[in-house]
Amino acid sequence: MKRIRVIPVLLIDTNGGLVKTIKFRKRTYIGDPINAVKIFNGKEVDELLILDIDASRDKREPNLPLITDIVSEAFIPVSYGGGVSNIYQMEQLFHAGIEKLYCGRWR
């Protein structure tokens, strides 16, 4: 039997808060991403995916201090997507502890 992998997706917005959305539009603030990571550490999920849902649209870089804080609390692999537009940003994210990157189109 195949093992099911559990990979929660944490959506963060411009303010760095964790949000729940309906079709990425109507947003509801649901808390601090660091607390969510601590909860998922205890649940022994397989991996976390962090998506900054505003970064690409706003054409801004990833929030590296927030991502570094989140990764420092995680005891599981962390992936990231949002606002990555060049190799230098990728390098910074990998040094922060991100293991996988999801990049949209390149500018």
C-alpha atoms as a PDB file:
ATOM      1  CA  MET A   1       0.000   0.000   0.000  1.00  0.00           C
ATOM      2  CA  LYS A   2       1.248   3.478  -0.830  1.00  0.00           C
ATOM      3  CA  ARG A   3       2.042   5.850   1.999  1.00  0.00           C
ATOM      4  CA  ILE A   4       0.071   9.090   1.918  1.00  0.00           C
ATOM      5  CA  ARG A   5       2.194  12.226   2.241  1.00  0.00           C
ATOM      6  CA  VAL A   6       0.783  15.165   4.174  1.00  0.00           C
ATOM      7  CA  ILE A   7       1.981  18.571   2.920  1.00  0.00           C
ATOM      8  CA  PRO A   8       0.101  21.544   4.386  1.00  0.00           C
ATOM      9  CA  VAL A   9       0.190  24.829   2.474  1.00  0.00           C
ATOM     10  CA  LEU A  10       0.561  28.010   4.532  1.00  0.00           C
ATOM     11  CA  LEU A  11      -0.585  31.162   2.745  1.00  0.00           C
ATOM     12  CA  ILE A  12       1.057  34.339   3.961  1.00  0.00           C
ATOM     13  CA  ASP A  13       0.122  37.852   2.887  1.00  0.00           C
ATOM     14  CA  THR A  14       1.967  41.158   2.635  1.00  0.00           C
ATOM     15  CA  ASN A  15       1.840  41.671   6.403  1.00  0.00           C
ATOM     16  CA  GLY A  16       3.360  38.251   7.068  1.00  0.00           C
ATOM     17  CA  GLY A  17       0.179  36.887   8.598  1.00  0.00           C
ATOM     18  CA  LEU A  18      -1.275  33.484   7.894  1.00  0.00           C
ATOM     19  CA  VAL A  19      -4.496  33.716   5.883  1.00  0.00           C
ATOM     20  CA  LYS A  20      -7.227  31.481   4.556  1.00  0.00           C
ATOM     21  CA  THR A  21      -8.658  32.467   1.200  1.00  0.00           C
ATOM     22  CA  ILE A  22     -11.511  31.728  -1.106  1.00  0.00           C
ATOM     23  CA  LYS A  23     -10.046  31.580  -4.633  1.00  0.00           C
ATOM     24  CA  PHE A  24      -7.130  33.716  -3.349  1.00  0.00           C
ATOM     25  CA  ARG A  25      -9.477  36.706  -2.989  1.00  0.00           C
ATOM     26  CA  LYS A  26     -11.571  36.897   0.163  1.00  0.00           C
ATOM     27  CA  ARG A  27      -9.046  36.614   2.988  1.00  0.00           C
ATOM     28  CA  THR A  28      -9.463  35.701   6.595  1.00  0.00           C
ATOM     29  CA  TYR A  29      -6.568  36.190   9.006  1.00  0.00           C
ATOM     30  CA  ILE A  30      -6.021  32.964  10.923  1.00  0.00           C
ATOM     31  CA  GLY A  31      -2.859  33.625  12.900  1.00  0.00           C
ATOM     32  CA  ASP A  32       0.883  33.695  13.066  1.00  0.00           C
ATOM     33  CA  PRO A  33       2.768  31.355  10.706  1.00  0.00           C
ATOM     34  CA  ILE A  34       5.341  30.501  13.414  1.00  0.00           C
ATOM     35  CA  ASN A  35       2.604  29.089  15.656  1.00  0.00           C
ATOM     36  CA  ALA A  36       1.240  27.062  12.734  1.00  0.00           C
ATOM     37  CA  VAL A  37       4.687  25.595  12.102  1.00  0.00           C
ATOM     38  CA  LYS A  38       4.943  24.561  15.757  1.00  0.00           C
ATOM     39  CA  ILE A  39       1.578  22.807  15.482  1.00  0.00           C
ATOM     40  CA  PHE A  40       2.588  20.983  12.298  1.00  0.00           C
ATOM     41  CA  ASN A  41       5.893  19.929  13.911  1.00  0.00           C
ATOM     42  CA  GLY A  42       3.837  18.135  16.537  1.00  0.00           C
ATOM     43  CA  LYS A  43       1.592  16.527  13.927  1.00  0.00           C
ATOM     44  CA  GLU A  44       4.641  15.103  12.131  1.00  0.00           C
ATOM     45  CA  VAL A  45       3.633  16.237   8.647  1.00  0.00           C
ATOM     46  CA  ASP A  46       5.961  15.313   5.787  1.00  0.00           C
ATOM     47  CA  GLU A  47       6.706  18.793   4.464  1.00  0.00           C
ATOM     48  CA  LEU A  48       5.448  22.404   4.628  1.00  0.00           C
ATOM     49  CA  LEU A  49       4.788  24.660   1.670  1.00  0.00           C
ATOM     50  CA  ILE A  50       4.809  28.412   2.287  1.00  0.00           C
ATOM     51  CA  LEU A  51       3.203  30.580  -0.382  1.00  0.00           C
ATOM     52  CA  ASP A  52       3.439  34.361  -0.282  1.00  0.00           C
ATOM     53  CA  ILE A  53       0.285  35.105  -2.243  1.00  0.00           C
ATOM     54  CA  ASP A  54       1.035  38.822  -2.723  1.00  0.00           C
ATOM     55  CA  ALA A  55       4.743  38.868  -3.574  1.00  0.00           C
ATOM     56  CA  SER A  56       4.548  38.064  -7.279  1.00  0.00           C
ATOM     57  CA  ARG A  57       1.544  40.271  -7.924  1.00  0.00           C
ATOM     58  CA  ASP A  58       3.127  43.188  -6.060  1.00  0.00           C
ATOM     59  CA  LYS A  59       6.483  42.511  -7.771  1.00  0.00           C
ATOM     60  CA  ARG A  60       8.326  42.396  -4.476  1.00  0.00           C
ATOM     61  CA  GLU A  61      11.018  40.096  -3.197  1.00  0.00           C
ATOM     62  CA  PRO A  62      10.380  37.277  -0.726  1.00  0.00           C
ATOM     63  CA  ASN A  63      10.188  38.368   2.917  1.00  0.00           C
ATOM     64  CA  LEU A  64      13.521  36.785   3.871  1.00  0.00           C
ATOM     65  CA  PRO A  65      13.471  37.660   7.619  1.00  0.00           C
ATOM     66  CA  LEU A  66      10.012  36.078   8.023  1.00  0.00           C
ATOM     67  CA  ILE A  67      10.981  33.016   5.999  1.00  0.00           C
ATOM     68  CA  THR A  68      14.162  32.583   8.047  1.00  0.00           C
ATOM     69  CA  ASP A  69      12.131  32.759  11.275  1.00  0.00           C
ATOM     70  CA  ILE A  70       9.636  30.202   9.989  1.00  0.00           C
ATOM     71  CA  VAL A  71      12.333  27.783   8.801  1.00  0.00           C
ATOM     72  CA  SER A  72      14.228  28.079  12.088  1.00  0.00           C
ATOM     73  CA  GLU A  73      11.142  26.732  13.912  1.00  0.00           C
ATOM     74  CA  ALA A  74      10.462  23.879  11.469  1.00  0.00           C
ATOM     75  CA  PHE A  75      11.770  20.377  12.049  1.00  0.00           C
ATOM     76  CA  ILE A  76      10.478  19.267   8.659  1.00  0.00           C
ATOM     77  CA  PRO A  77      11.411  20.190   5.060  1.00  0.00           C
ATOM     78  CA  VAL A  78      10.049  23.586   3.992  1.00  0.00           C
ATOM     79  CA  SER A  79       9.254  24.673   0.430  1.00  0.00           C
ATOM     80  CA  TYR A  80       8.538  28.239  -0.682  1.00  0.00           C
ATOM     81  CA  GLY A  81       6.809  30.047  -3.517  1.00  0.00           C
ATOM     82  CA  GLY A  82       6.125  33.691  -4.260  1.00  0.00           C
ATOM     83  CA  GLY A  83       8.119  36.625  -5.577  1.00  0.00           C
ATOM     84  CA  VAL A  84      11.208  34.672  -6.621  1.00  0.00           C
ATOM     85  CA  SER A  85      12.524  36.304  -9.774  1.00  0.00           C
ATOM     86  CA  ASN A  86      16.280  35.747  -9.904  1.00  0.00           C
ATOM     87  CA  ILE A  87      19.082  33.394  -8.956  1.00  0.00           C
ATOM     88  CA  TYR A  88      20.318  35.631  -6.135  1.00  0.00           C
ATOM     89  CA  GLN A  89      16.948  35.357  -4.360  1.00  0.00           C
ATOM     90  CA  MET A  90      17.030  31.593  -4.819  1.00  0.00           C
ATOM     91  CA  GLU A  91      20.473  31.445  -3.243  1.00  0.00           C
ATOM     92  CA  GLN A  92      19.302  33.506  -0.244  1.00  0.00           C
ATOM     93  CA  LEU A  93      16.290  31.247   0.264  1.00  0.00           C
ATOM     94  CA  PHE A  94      18.379  28.089   0.089  1.00  0.00           C
ATOM     95  CA  HIS A  95      20.799  29.560   2.653  1.00  0.00           C
ATOM     96  CA  ALA A  96      17.808  30.380   4.874  1.00  0.00           C
ATOM     97  CA  GLY A  97      16.912  26.673   4.891  1.00  0.00           C
ATOM     98  CA  ILE A  98      14.317  26.337   2.141  1.00  0.00           C
ATOM     99  CA  GLU A  99      14.661  22.981   0.413  1.00  0.00           C
ATOM    100  CA  LYS A 100      12.433  23.468  -2.643  1.00  0.00           C
ATOM    101  CA  LEU A 101      11.355  26.550  -4.572  1.00  0.00           C
ATOM    102  CA  TYR A 102       8.303  27.150  -6.700  1.00  0.00           C
ATOM    103  CA  CYS A 103       8.991  29.862  -9.246  1.00  0.00           C
ATOM    104  CA  GLY A 104       6.511  31.327 -11.662  1.00  0.00           C
ATOM    105  CA  ARG A 105       7.464  33.043 -14.856  1.00  0.00           C
ATOM    106  CA  TRP A 106      10.749  34.908 -14.994  1.00  0.00           C
ATOM    107  CA  ARG A 107      10.835  38.648 -15.593  1.00  0.00           C
END
